[in-house]
Protein backbone atom coordinates (compact mmCIF):
# COMPACT_ATOMS: atom_id res chain seq x y z
CA MET A 1 -39.28 -22.00 96.82
CA ALA A 2 -36.00 -22.84 94.99
CA PHE A 3 -34.77 -25.55 97.87
CA TRP A 4 -37.87 -27.24 97.48
CA ALA A 5 -38.33 -26.96 93.60
CA LEU A 6 -34.66 -29.08 93.40
CA LYS A 7 -35.03 -31.46 96.23
CA SER A 8 -38.94 -33.11 94.98
CA CYS A 9 -37.19 -33.97 91.68
CA ARG A 10 -35.92 -37.00 93.58
CA GLU A 11 -39.30 -37.44 94.64
CA VAL A 12 -41.25 -37.29 91.78
CA PHE A 13 -38.51 -39.17 89.88
CA LEU A 14 -38.86 -42.18 91.91
CA SER A 15 -42.44 -42.34 92.58
CA ILE A 16 -43.96 -42.37 88.45
CA TYR A 17 -40.34 -45.60 89.03
CA GLY A 18 -42.21 -46.71 91.18
CA GLU A 19 -45.65 -46.69 89.53
CA GLY A 20 -44.45 -48.26 85.92
CA LEU A 21 -42.37 -45.21 84.29
CA LEU A 22 -40.39 -47.40 81.63
CA THR A 23 -44.03 -49.74 80.54
CA ALA A 24 -43.97 -48.76 77.27
CA GLN A 25 -47.60 -48.34 77.75
CA PRO A 26 -49.93 -49.52 74.02
CA GLY A 27 -49.16 -47.29 70.80
CA SER A 28 -46.97 -44.80 72.05
CA ALA A 29 -43.75 -44.04 70.74
CA ALA A 30 -41.46 -47.00 72.69
CA ALA A 31 -43.81 -49.56 72.12
CA ARG A 32 -43.63 -48.41 68.04
CA ASP A 33 -39.44 -48.57 69.12
CA PHE A 34 -39.40 -52.17 70.82
CA ALA A 35 -41.51 -53.76 68.25
CA ALA A 36 -39.84 -52.54 64.58
CA THR A 37 -36.64 -54.80 64.14
CA GLU A 38 -33.84 -52.96 63.16
CA VAL A 39 -31.00 -55.55 61.20
CA GLY A 40 -26.93 -54.61 60.94
CA PRO A 41 -24.84 -56.63 58.66
CA ALA A 42 -25.18 -59.32 62.35
CA GLY A 43 -28.51 -59.90 61.18
CA GLU A 44 -31.67 -58.58 63.92
CA TRP A 45 -30.50 -56.36 66.72
CA PRO A 46 -30.45 -58.40 69.76
CA ALA A 47 -34.10 -56.46 71.89
CA GLU A 48 -31.80 -54.84 74.78
CA PHE A 49 -29.19 -53.58 71.97
CA ASN A 50 -33.47 -52.17 70.56
CA GLN A 51 -34.08 -50.14 74.38
CA LEU A 52 -30.82 -48.79 74.94
CA PRO A 53 -31.46 -45.09 74.39
CA ARG A 54 -34.44 -45.01 76.89
CA TYR A 55 -32.48 -47.26 80.22
CA LEU A 56 -29.18 -45.14 79.22
CA SER A 57 -31.61 -41.67 79.53
CA ALA A 58 -33.70 -43.22 82.57
CA LYS A 59 -30.25 -43.48 83.84
CA LEU A 60 -29.00 -40.44 83.26
CA VAL A 61 -32.44 -38.93 85.15
CA ARG A 62 -32.33 -41.11 87.70
CA GLN A 63 -28.82 -39.30 88.52
CA GLN A 64 -29.41 -36.04 87.10
CA ALA A 65 -32.38 -36.05 90.21
CA ASP A 66 -29.95 -37.36 92.64
CA LEU A 67 -27.84 -34.21 91.20
CA CYS A 68 -30.87 -31.39 91.61
CA ALA A 69 -31.12 -33.49 94.96
CA GLY A 70 -27.62 -32.40 96.32
CA ALA A 71 -28.23 -28.98 94.80
CA ALA A 72 -31.50 -28.43 97.09
CA LEU A 73 -28.81 -29.44 99.92
CA LEU A 74 -26.08 -26.68 99.24
CA ILE A 75 -29.19 -24.24 99.17
CA GLU A 76 -30.66 -25.11 102.52
CA ALA A 77 -26.90 -25.64 104.15
CA GLY A 78 -26.32 -21.67 102.29
CA GLU A 79 -23.39 -22.51 100.29
CA VAL A 80 -25.20 -21.12 97.11
CA SER A 81 -22.01 -20.12 94.88
CA GLU A 82 -18.93 -22.67 93.54
CA PRO A 83 -20.97 -25.49 95.44
CA LEU A 84 -24.12 -24.76 93.98
CA HIS A 85 -22.79 -24.46 90.52
CA SER A 86 -21.25 -27.16 89.86
CA VAL A 87 -23.69 -29.33 91.19
CA LEU A 88 -25.97 -27.82 88.82
CA ARG A 89 -23.84 -27.17 85.73
CA THR A 90 -23.51 -30.76 85.85
CA GLY A 91 -27.19 -31.86 86.46
CA PHE A 92 -27.70 -29.40 83.61
CA GLU A 93 -25.08 -31.65 81.54
CA PHE A 94 -27.10 -34.93 82.33
CA ALA A 95 -30.16 -33.23 81.42
CA ILE A 96 -29.07 -32.60 78.01
CA ARG A 97 -27.25 -35.73 76.77
CA ALA A 98 -30.34 -37.65 77.99
CA PHE A 99 -32.42 -35.67 76.18
CA TRP A 100 -29.57 -36.07 73.07
CA VAL A 101 -29.37 -39.63 73.27
CA LEU A 102 -33.79 -39.66 73.03
CA ASP A 103 -34.21 -36.15 70.38
CA PRO A 104 -38.01 -37.86 69.62
CA SER A 105 -36.77 -35.71 66.20
CA VAL A 106 -34.77 -38.38 64.92
CA SER A 107 -35.50 -42.29 63.61
CA HIS A 108 -35.14 -44.60 66.80
CA ARG A 109 -32.38 -46.71 65.05
CA GLU A 110 -30.06 -42.70 65.68
CA ARG A 111 -31.40 -42.78 68.62
CA CYS A 112 -29.24 -46.10 68.93
CA ALA A 113 -26.57 -44.74 67.32
CA ARG A 114 -26.11 -41.48 69.45
CA ALA A 115 -26.68 -44.61 72.82
CA ALA A 116 -23.46 -46.21 71.68
CA LEU A 117 -21.62 -43.62 71.02
CA ALA A 118 -21.66 -42.29 74.53
CA GLU A 119 -21.08 -45.99 75.06
CA VAL A 120 -17.70 -45.83 73.29
CA VAL A 121 -16.75 -43.15 74.92
CA SER A 122 -17.11 -43.85 77.91
CA THR A 123 -14.81 -46.73 77.31
CA GLU A 124 -12.32 -44.80 75.59
CA MET A 125 -12.10 -41.60 78.18
CA THR A 126 -12.18 -44.77 80.96
CA ARG A 127 -9.80 -46.28 79.03
CA ARG A 128 -7.29 -43.10 78.83
CA ALA A 129 -7.57 -42.45 82.78
CA ALA A 130 -6.48 -46.35 82.91
CA SER A 131 -3.83 -46.43 81.17
CA LYS A 132 -2.29 -43.54 83.35
CA LEU A 133 -2.65 -45.19 86.25
CA PRO A 134 1.21 -46.32 87.93
CA ASP A 135 2.50 -49.61 86.94
CA THR A 136 2.08 -52.15 89.20
CA PRO A 137 -0.89 -55.42 89.28
CA GLU A 138 -4.02 -53.73 90.10
CA PRO A 139 -3.96 -51.16 87.30
CA ARG A 140 -2.28 -53.62 85.00
CA VAL A 141 -5.32 -55.93 85.10
CA THR A 142 -8.05 -52.58 84.77
CA ARG A 143 -5.43 -51.71 82.31
CA ILE A 144 -6.45 -54.96 80.30
CA LYS A 145 -9.68 -54.81 81.16
CA PHE A 146 -10.75 -51.97 79.11
CA ARG A 147 -8.46 -52.54 76.69
CA ALA A 148 -10.52 -56.09 76.09
CA ASN A 149 -13.90 -53.97 76.50
CA ALA A 150 -13.20 -51.47 73.71
CA LYS A 151 -12.40 -53.81 71.57
CA ALA A 152 -15.50 -55.84 72.00
CA GLN A 153 -18.26 -53.03 72.24
CA LYS A 154 -16.35 -52.33 68.69
CA GLU A 155 -16.73 -55.49 67.28
CA ARG A 156 -20.03 -55.70 68.75
CA LEU A 157 -21.29 -52.07 66.85
CA ARG A 158 -19.57 -53.33 63.47
CA LYS A 159 -22.02 -56.78 63.53
CA LEU A 160 -24.92 -53.97 64.23
CA PHE A 161 -23.97 -51.19 61.79
CA ALA A 162 -23.63 -50.35 58.81
CA SER A 163 -20.64 -48.04 59.03
CA VAL A 164 -18.62 -47.57 61.97
CA GLU A 165 -15.49 -44.97 61.83
CA GLY A 166 -12.99 -44.60 63.70
CA ALA A 167 -10.74 -40.88 64.72
CA PRO A 168 -7.43 -41.60 63.29
CA ASP A 169 -5.86 -40.09 65.91
CA GLY A 170 -7.74 -42.51 68.74
CA ASP A 171 -10.19 -39.37 69.66
CA PRO A 172 -13.59 -41.37 70.50
CA LEU A 173 -15.45 -38.10 70.18
CA LYS A 174 -14.80 -38.01 66.24
CA TRP A 175 -16.50 -41.17 66.01
CA THR A 176 -19.18 -41.81 63.20
CA ILE A 177 -21.81 -44.56 63.38
CA GLU A 178 -24.11 -45.10 60.18
CA GLY A 179 -22.31 -40.98 60.04
CA THR A 180 -23.58 -39.93 63.46
CA ARG A 181 -21.30 -38.16 65.08
CA TYR A 182 -20.48 -37.34 69.16
CA SER A 183 -22.71 -34.17 70.13
CA THR A 184 -20.51 -31.36 72.33
CA TRP A 185 -22.23 -30.55 75.18
CA THR A 186 -22.77 -26.43 73.35
CA ASP A 187 -24.51 -28.76 70.63
CA ALA A 188 -26.49 -30.75 72.46
CA ALA A 189 -27.96 -28.17 74.53
CA ASP A 190 -28.56 -25.52 71.91
CA ARG A 191 -30.43 -29.18 70.51
CA TRP A 192 -32.61 -28.91 73.81
CA THR A 193 -33.58 -25.18 73.50
CA ASP A 194 -34.41 -25.39 69.96
CA ALA A 195 -36.45 -28.53 71.00
CA GLU A 196 -38.54 -26.64 73.56
CA LYS A 197 -38.88 -23.56 71.70
CA THR A 198 -37.62 -21.13 74.50
CA GLY A 199 -35.73 -18.91 72.31
CA VAL A 200 -32.81 -18.08 73.65
CA SER A 201 -28.99 -20.45 72.95
CA GLY A 202 -28.34 -23.46 74.78
CA GLY A 203 -25.52 -23.56 74.25
CA ALA A 204 -25.16 -19.95 76.20
CA MET A 205 -26.23 -21.24 79.11
CA TYR A 206 -24.07 -24.17 79.37
CA ASP A 207 -21.29 -22.23 78.94
CA GLN A 208 -22.59 -19.19 81.80
CA LEU A 209 -22.77 -22.32 83.74
CA SER A 210 -19.35 -23.04 83.34
CA ILE A 211 -17.89 -20.25 83.39
CA LEU A 212 -19.44 -19.92 87.37
CA ALA A 213 -18.20 -23.76 88.13
CA HIS A 214 -15.05 -23.44 86.62
CA PRO A 215 -12.01 -21.90 88.76
CA GLN A 216 -12.26 -18.15 87.35
CA GLY A 217 -10.29 -14.68 87.82
CA TYR A 218 -11.42 -11.94 90.00
CA ALA A 219 -13.79 -10.63 86.11
CA ALA A 220 -15.99 -13.49 85.77
CA THR A 221 -16.23 -14.10 89.07
CA VAL A 222 -19.87 -12.99 90.34
CA GLY A 223 -20.71 -11.24 93.11
CA LEU A 224 -17.03 -9.53 93.65
CA ILE A 225 -16.80 -6.57 95.05
CA GLN A 226 -13.45 -4.39 94.65
CA ASP A 227 -12.73 -2.00 97.67
CA PRO A 228 -12.55 1.80 96.23
CA GLU A 229 -9.53 2.34 98.24
CA ASP A 230 -8.01 -0.78 98.67
CA GLY A 231 -8.31 -2.48 95.68
CA THR A 232 -6.60 -5.53 97.27
CA ARG A 233 -9.95 -6.53 99.88
CA PHE A 234 -13.06 -7.89 97.43
CA THR A 235 -16.08 -7.98 99.41
CA ARG A 236 -18.42 -11.41 97.95
CA VAL A 237 -21.72 -10.81 97.82
CA ILE A 238 -25.15 -12.95 96.64
CA ASP A 239 -28.05 -12.00 95.83
CA PRO A 240 -31.12 -14.13 95.97
CA VAL A 241 -32.29 -13.02 92.63
CA ARG A 242 -29.08 -14.81 91.17
CA VAL A 243 -29.54 -18.45 92.91
CA THR A 244 -32.70 -18.81 92.30
CA LYS A 245 -32.58 -18.03 88.06
CA VAL A 246 -29.95 -20.78 88.68
CA ALA A 247 -32.49 -23.23 90.87
CA ARG A 248 -34.89 -22.62 88.17
CA LEU A 249 -32.63 -24.08 85.61
CA GLY A 250 -31.80 -27.18 87.20
CA ALA A 251 -36.02 -27.83 88.50
CA GLN A 252 -36.99 -26.32 85.06
CA SER A 253 -34.46 -28.75 82.70
CA PHE A 254 -35.02 -31.85 85.03
CA TYR A 255 -38.66 -31.18 84.42
CA SER A 256 -37.91 -31.25 80.63
CA SER A 257 -35.46 -34.65 81.35
CA VAL A 258 -38.78 -36.84 82.74
CA THR A 259 -41.85 -35.89 81.41
CA LEU A 260 -39.09 -36.68 77.89
CA LEU A 261 -39.32 -40.36 79.19
CA THR A 262 -42.80 -40.03 80.68
CA ASN A 263 -44.35 -38.71 77.20
CA TYR A 264 -42.00 -41.37 75.35
CA HIS A 265 -42.86 -44.65 76.79
CA GLY A 266 -46.96 -43.56 77.55
CA PHE A 267 -46.98 -43.50 80.48
CA LYS A 268 -49.24 -40.50 82.58
CA SER A 269 -48.81 -40.11 87.05
CA LYS A 270 -50.45 -37.73 88.61
CA HIS A 271 -47.45 -37.13 90.17
CA VAL A 272 -46.29 -35.30 86.78
CA ALA A 273 -49.29 -33.24 87.24
CA ALA A 274 -49.27 -32.10 90.11
CA TRP A 275 -46.03 -31.34 90.51
CA GLU A 276 -45.53 -29.38 86.82
CA GLU A 277 -48.88 -26.98 88.34
CA GLU A 278 -46.06 -26.75 91.82
CA LEU A 279 -43.35 -25.29 89.52
CA GLY A 280 -45.38 -23.24 87.74
CA GLN A 281 -47.52 -21.25 90.51
CA HIS A 282 -43.33 -21.26 92.23
CA PHE A 283 -41.88 -20.13 89.66
CA LEU A 284 -44.03 -17.15 88.33
CA GLY A 285 -43.19 -16.20 84.65
CA SER A 286 -42.55 -19.52 83.69
CA SER A 287 -45.22 -21.70 81.22
CA VAL A 288 -44.89 -25.53 82.47
CA HIS A 289 -47.02 -26.74 79.39
CA LYS A 290 -48.59 -30.36 79.94
CA ARG A 291 -47.21 -32.37 76.94
CA SER A 292 -49.54 -35.05 76.70
CA ALA A 293 -48.15 -39.44 75.35
CA ALA A 294 -50.66 -38.98 72.37
CA GLU A 295 -49.06 -35.65 71.35
CA PHE A 296 -45.75 -37.04 71.58
CA ALA A 297 -45.96 -40.79 70.21
CA ARG A 298 -47.97 -38.46 67.36
CA THR A 299 -45.31 -35.73 66.49
CA ILE A 300 -42.11 -37.89 67.25
CA ASP A 301 -40.40 -35.92 64.26
CA GLN A 302 -41.15 -32.79 65.90
CA ARG A 303 -40.74 -32.01 69.68
CA PRO A 304 -43.53 -30.73 71.26
CA SER A 305 -43.89 -27.17 71.40
CA ALA A 306 -43.50 -26.78 74.87
CA SER A 307 -40.79 -23.94 77.05
CA ILE A 308 -40.63 -24.18 80.48
CA MET A 309 -37.15 -22.63 80.58
CA GLY A 310 -37.40 -18.85 82.19
CA ASP A 311 -34.45 -16.39 82.27
CA PRO A 312 -31.63 -17.28 80.47
CA ASN A 313 -29.39 -14.77 82.09
CA ILE A 314 -28.77 -17.44 84.98
CA ALA A 315 -25.19 -15.11 85.23
CA ALA A 316 -26.62 -11.64 85.77
CA ASP A 317 -25.61 -11.08 89.39
CA ARG A 318 -27.12 -8.46 91.17
CA ARG A 319 -25.08 -6.45 93.62
CA THR A 320 -27.67 -6.25 96.94
């Protein structure tokens, strides 16, 4: 069932995208935001910037769907340790960053600031990486391009927002736009689980996924059993319960992401309705809440109370 849930994520996204996911329905939060007039030092914002949060979030959720499909292939092939953990942890990052950008608990202007900060971080990190390339003609052109992009980006943002502050040490993670700063992964994950009213820490989930995905010593490598007679020998045991837990988190975080998009746009889809029913049946103990577009628009300053999170102890390993 874990394989099915993850594999179906991309199918669901492509189906609803084809149905018109990004069409803002009358009365939706998206329609309201796009009709609003936001103004900066240089005047009224252009329409494409006004809609940056939804486009960026949709891109992130689309990529998350691909990662879920990749995780499904790993499960099908029996690769259910570090390869699966790494892919699902990355998918979780896409989910929580999409939520952070399109967070309904903040104003549309702050969502735009968050989307802009995501672009700042991407531009600066890419520029830094390019600066360390060998000083040969092709990398030199790349460095010049990214320096120019970073300069143009900063100039544009200062025309859109009243205050844009870089960090003295050049760290893009410390930039602020009208008081908003780029959120860390653990903070964004905590915001997400708080909004979903899960009763567990999203930051703790992320930390556990990171432990599973990163190189570790013996003590933190899940499933290792030391030979009691020969301390140099270890047996690796794969627990299907643990595999189901991490797979469930992947599928459920995608459900949260895709319904965030559909509700924001006031979009109703039979594909999502059918999929959430199947999720509820396959992952017993996980309640799938059908959040309406009207509910999202009505409580734009308060994330709808909903949770499809299962057992947060994703790193628990049963030795079988």
